C-alpha atoms as a PDB file:
ATOM      1  CA  MET A   1     -10.230   5.837 -11.657  1.00  0.00           C
ATOM      2  CA  THR A   2     -10.765   4.317  -8.364  1.00  0.00           C
ATOM      3  CA  GLU A   3      -7.663   5.786  -6.481  1.00  0.00           C
ATOM      4  CA  LEU A   4      -5.992   3.103  -3.730  1.00  0.00           C
ATOM      5  CA  LEU A   5      -2.861   4.213  -1.709  1.00  0.00           C
ATOM      6  CA  HIS A   6      -0.311   2.166  -0.140  1.00  0.00           C
ATOM      7  CA  LEU A   7       2.635   3.651   2.659  1.00  0.00           C
ATOM      8  CA  THR A   8       5.972   2.387   2.426  1.00  0.00           C
ATOM      9  CA  GLU A   9       9.610   2.954   2.865  1.00  0.00           C
ATOM     10  CA  PRO A  10      11.298   4.690   0.139  1.00  0.00           C
ATOM     11  CA  GLY A  11      14.368   2.036  -0.360  1.00  0.00           C
ATOM     12  CA  LEU A  12      11.345  -0.496  -1.081  1.00  0.00           C
ATOM     13  CA  TRP A  13      10.153   1.562  -3.711  1.00  0.00           C
ATOM     14  CA  GLU A  14      13.392   1.957  -5.082  1.00  0.00           C
ATOM     15  CA  ALA A  15      13.504  -2.138  -5.075  1.00  0.00           C
ATOM     16  CA  ALA A  16      10.341  -2.571  -6.682  1.00  0.00           C
ATOM     17  CA  LEU A  17      11.355   0.127  -9.543  1.00  0.00           C
ATOM     18  CA  ALA A  18      14.289  -2.128 -10.457  1.00  0.00           C
ATOM     19  CA  ALA A  19      12.133  -5.455 -10.237  1.00  0.00           C
ATOM     20  CA  GLY A  20       8.961  -4.156 -12.125  1.00  0.00           C
ATOM     21  CA  ALA A  21       6.914  -4.970  -9.257  1.00  0.00           C
ATOM     22  CA  TYR A  22       6.591  -4.280  -5.695  1.00  0.00           C
ATOM     23  CA  GLU A  23       5.778  -7.146  -3.193  1.00  0.00           C
ATOM     24  CA  GLY A  24       5.651  -5.546   0.169  1.00  0.00           C
ATOM     25  CA  SER A  25       2.588  -5.888   2.261  1.00  0.00           C
ATOM     26  CA  THR A  26       2.840  -3.808   5.281  1.00  0.00           C
ATOM     27  CA  ARG A  27       5.427  -2.883   7.693  1.00  0.00           C
ATOM     28  CA  GLY A  28       8.011  -5.495   7.960  1.00  0.00           C
ATOM     29  CA  ARG A  29       6.171  -7.967   6.167  1.00  0.00           C
ATOM     30  CA  THR A  30       6.451  -9.123   2.554  1.00  0.00           C
ATOM     31  CA  LEU A  31       3.273 -10.143   0.102  1.00  0.00           C
ATOM     32  CA  ALA A  32       4.507 -13.939   0.628  1.00  0.00           C
ATOM     33  CA  GLU A  33       4.330 -13.455   4.374  1.00  0.00           C
ATOM     34  CA  GLU A  34       0.813 -11.905   4.418  1.00  0.00           C
ATOM     35  CA  GLY A  35      -0.797 -13.002   1.276  1.00  0.00           C
ATOM     36  CA  PHE A  36      -1.829  -9.748   0.049  1.00  0.00           C
ATOM     37  CA  ILE A  37      -0.880  -6.508   0.225  1.00  0.00           C
ATOM     38  CA  HIS A  38      -2.484  -4.001   2.054  1.00  0.00           C
ATOM     39  CA  CYS A  39      -3.695  -0.578   0.812  1.00  0.00           C
ATOM     40  CA  SER A  40      -5.873   2.381   1.882  1.00  0.00           C
ATOM     41  CA  LEU A  41      -8.679   4.719   0.323  1.00  0.00           C
ATOM     42  CA  PRO A  42      -7.446   8.300   0.665  1.00  0.00           C
ATOM     43  CA  GLU A  43      -9.875   8.907   3.816  1.00  0.00           C
ATOM     44  CA  GLN A  44      -7.988   5.994   5.602  1.00  0.00           C
ATOM     45  CA  LEU A  45      -4.839   6.489   5.320  1.00  0.00           C
ATOM     46  CA  ASP A  46      -3.886   8.713   8.340  1.00  0.00           C
ATOM     47  CA  ALA A  47      -5.213   6.356  10.855  1.00  0.00           C
ATOM     48  CA  VAL A  48      -3.157   3.679   8.950  1.00  0.00           C
ATOM     49  CA  ALA A  49      -0.111   5.530   9.299  1.00  0.00           C
ATOM     50  CA  ALA A  50      -0.863   6.107  12.902  1.00  0.00           C
ATOM     51  CA  LEU A  51      -1.393   2.321  13.664  1.00  0.00           C
ATOM     52  CA  VAL A  52       1.456   0.846  11.360  1.00  0.00           C
ATOM     53  CA  TYR A  53       3.968   3.822  11.052  1.00  0.00           C
ATOM     54  CA  GLY A  54       3.689   5.827  14.347  1.00  0.00           C
ATOM     55  CA  ASP A  55       6.815   4.934  15.641  1.00  0.00           C
ATOM     56  CA  HIS A  56       8.747   4.974  12.108  1.00  0.00           C
ATOM     57  CA  PRO A  57      12.132   7.108  12.260  1.00  0.00           C
ATOM     58  CA  GLY A  58      12.592   7.223   8.657  1.00  0.00           C
ATOM     59  CA  PRO A  59      11.121   8.895   6.068  1.00  0.00           C
ATOM     60  CA  LEU A  60       7.604   7.401   3.735  1.00  0.00           C
ATOM     61  CA  VAL A  61       6.221   7.579   0.538  1.00  0.00           C
ATOM     62  CA  VAL A  62       2.483   7.057  -0.314  1.00  0.00           C
ATOM     63  CA  LEU A  63       2.342   4.859  -3.545  1.00  0.00           C
ATOM     64  CA  VAL A  64      -0.733   6.197  -5.497  1.00  0.00           C
ATOM     65  CA  ILE A  65      -1.997   3.431  -7.099  1.00  0.00           C
ATOM     66  CA  ASP A  66      -4.687   3.199 -10.373  1.00  0.00           C
ATOM     67  CA  ALA A  67      -6.597   0.593  -9.584  1.00  0.00           C
ATOM     68  CA  ASP A  68      -7.657   0.119 -13.049  1.00  0.00           C
ATOM     69  CA  LEU A  69      -3.907  -1.072 -14.029  1.00  0.00           C
ATOM     70  CA  VAL A  70      -3.937  -3.234 -11.701  1.00  0.00           C
ATOM     71  CA  ASP A  71      -3.762  -6.747 -12.815  1.00  0.00           C
ATOM     72  CA  VAL A  72      -4.159  -9.012  -9.724  1.00  0.00           C
ATOM     73  CA  PRO A  73      -7.573  -9.378  -7.778  1.00  0.00           C
ATOM     74  CA  ILE A  74      -8.294  -6.259  -5.425  1.00  0.00           C
ATOM     75  CA  ARG A  75     -10.530  -7.315  -2.286  1.00  0.00           C
ATOM     76  CA  TYR A  76     -12.432  -5.082   0.337  1.00  0.00           C
ATOM     77  CA  GLU A  77     -12.124  -6.724   3.187  1.00  0.00           C
ATOM     78  CA  ALA A  78     -12.791  -5.632   7.101  1.00  0.00           C
ATOM     79  CA  PRO A  79     -10.134  -6.523   9.878  1.00  0.00           C
ATOM     80  CA  ALA A  80     -12.429  -7.539  12.091  1.00  0.00           C
ATOM     81  CA  PRO A  81     -16.506  -8.221  12.035  1.00  0.00           C
ATOM     82  CA  GLY A  82     -18.065  -4.540  11.859  1.00  0.00           C
ATOM     83  CA  ALA A  83     -14.861  -2.814  10.710  1.00  0.00           C
ATOM     84  CA  PRO A  84     -14.443  -0.560   7.694  1.00  0.00           C
ATOM     85  CA  GLU A  85     -12.909  -2.695   4.780  1.00  0.00           C
ATOM     86  CA  TYR A  86      -9.669  -1.830   3.397  1.00  0.00           C
ATOM     87  CA  PRO A  87      -8.108  -2.822  -0.131  1.00  0.00           C
ATOM     88  CA  HIS A  88      -6.292  -5.841  -0.702  1.00  0.00           C
ATOM     89  CA  LEU A  89      -4.009  -6.744  -3.530  1.00  0.00           C
ATOM     90  CA  TYR A  90      -3.763 -10.142  -4.046  1.00  0.00           C
ATOM     91  CA  GLY A  91      -0.506 -10.463  -5.661  1.00  0.00           C
ATOM     92  CA  PRO A  92       2.325  -8.293  -6.824  1.00  0.00           C
ATOM     93  CA  LEU A  93       1.636  -4.721  -7.895  1.00  0.00           C
ATOM     94  CA  PRO A  94       3.126  -3.442 -10.973  1.00  0.00           C
ATOM     95  CA  THR A  95       5.123  -0.361 -10.779  1.00  0.00           C
ATOM     96  CA  SER A  96       3.211   1.078 -13.994  1.00  0.00           C
ATOM     97  CA  ALA A  97       0.278   1.049 -11.699  1.00  0.00           C
ATOM     98  CA  VAL A  98       1.692   3.372  -9.318  1.00  0.00           C
ATOM     99  CA  ILE A  99       0.853   6.714 -10.727  1.00  0.00           C
ATOM    100  CA  GLU A 100       2.223   9.090  -8.252  1.00  0.00           C
ATOM    101  CA  VAL A 101       4.668   8.624  -5.572  1.00  0.00           C
ATOM    102  CA  ARG A 102       4.766  11.267  -2.580  1.00  0.00           C
ATOM    103  CA  PRO A 103       6.553  12.338   0.486  1.00  0.00           C
ATOM    104  CA  TRP A 104       4.368  10.790   3.448  1.00  0.00           C
ATOM    105  CA  ARG A 105       2.962  14.106   5.426  1.00  0.00           C
ATOM    106  CA  ALA A 106       0.597  13.434   8.356  1.00  0.00           C
ATOM    107  CA  GLY A 107      -2.550  15.125   8.203  1.00  0.00           C
END
């Protein structure tokens, strides 16, 4: 199983549970606006959290995604030439592919 991670606000995850799919992309942006859902590998999450949510005042959760349960394309892409590649989901994330939800703790 390939484990992908996505950091989000608890309220957005709760709304996704009610809808059956998660359609956030990154802080303040939706899948429709961005074109994909930003994800991380476990070793990338601390850096992403610091960059994207470093000044966020509220609680966050980490969605642990089983890539084998995702039914949309997953592409590994670098934000700039020579940068590390990050997993992106090109479509809604079915809530059934999220195998665990963890409170976020830096480090």
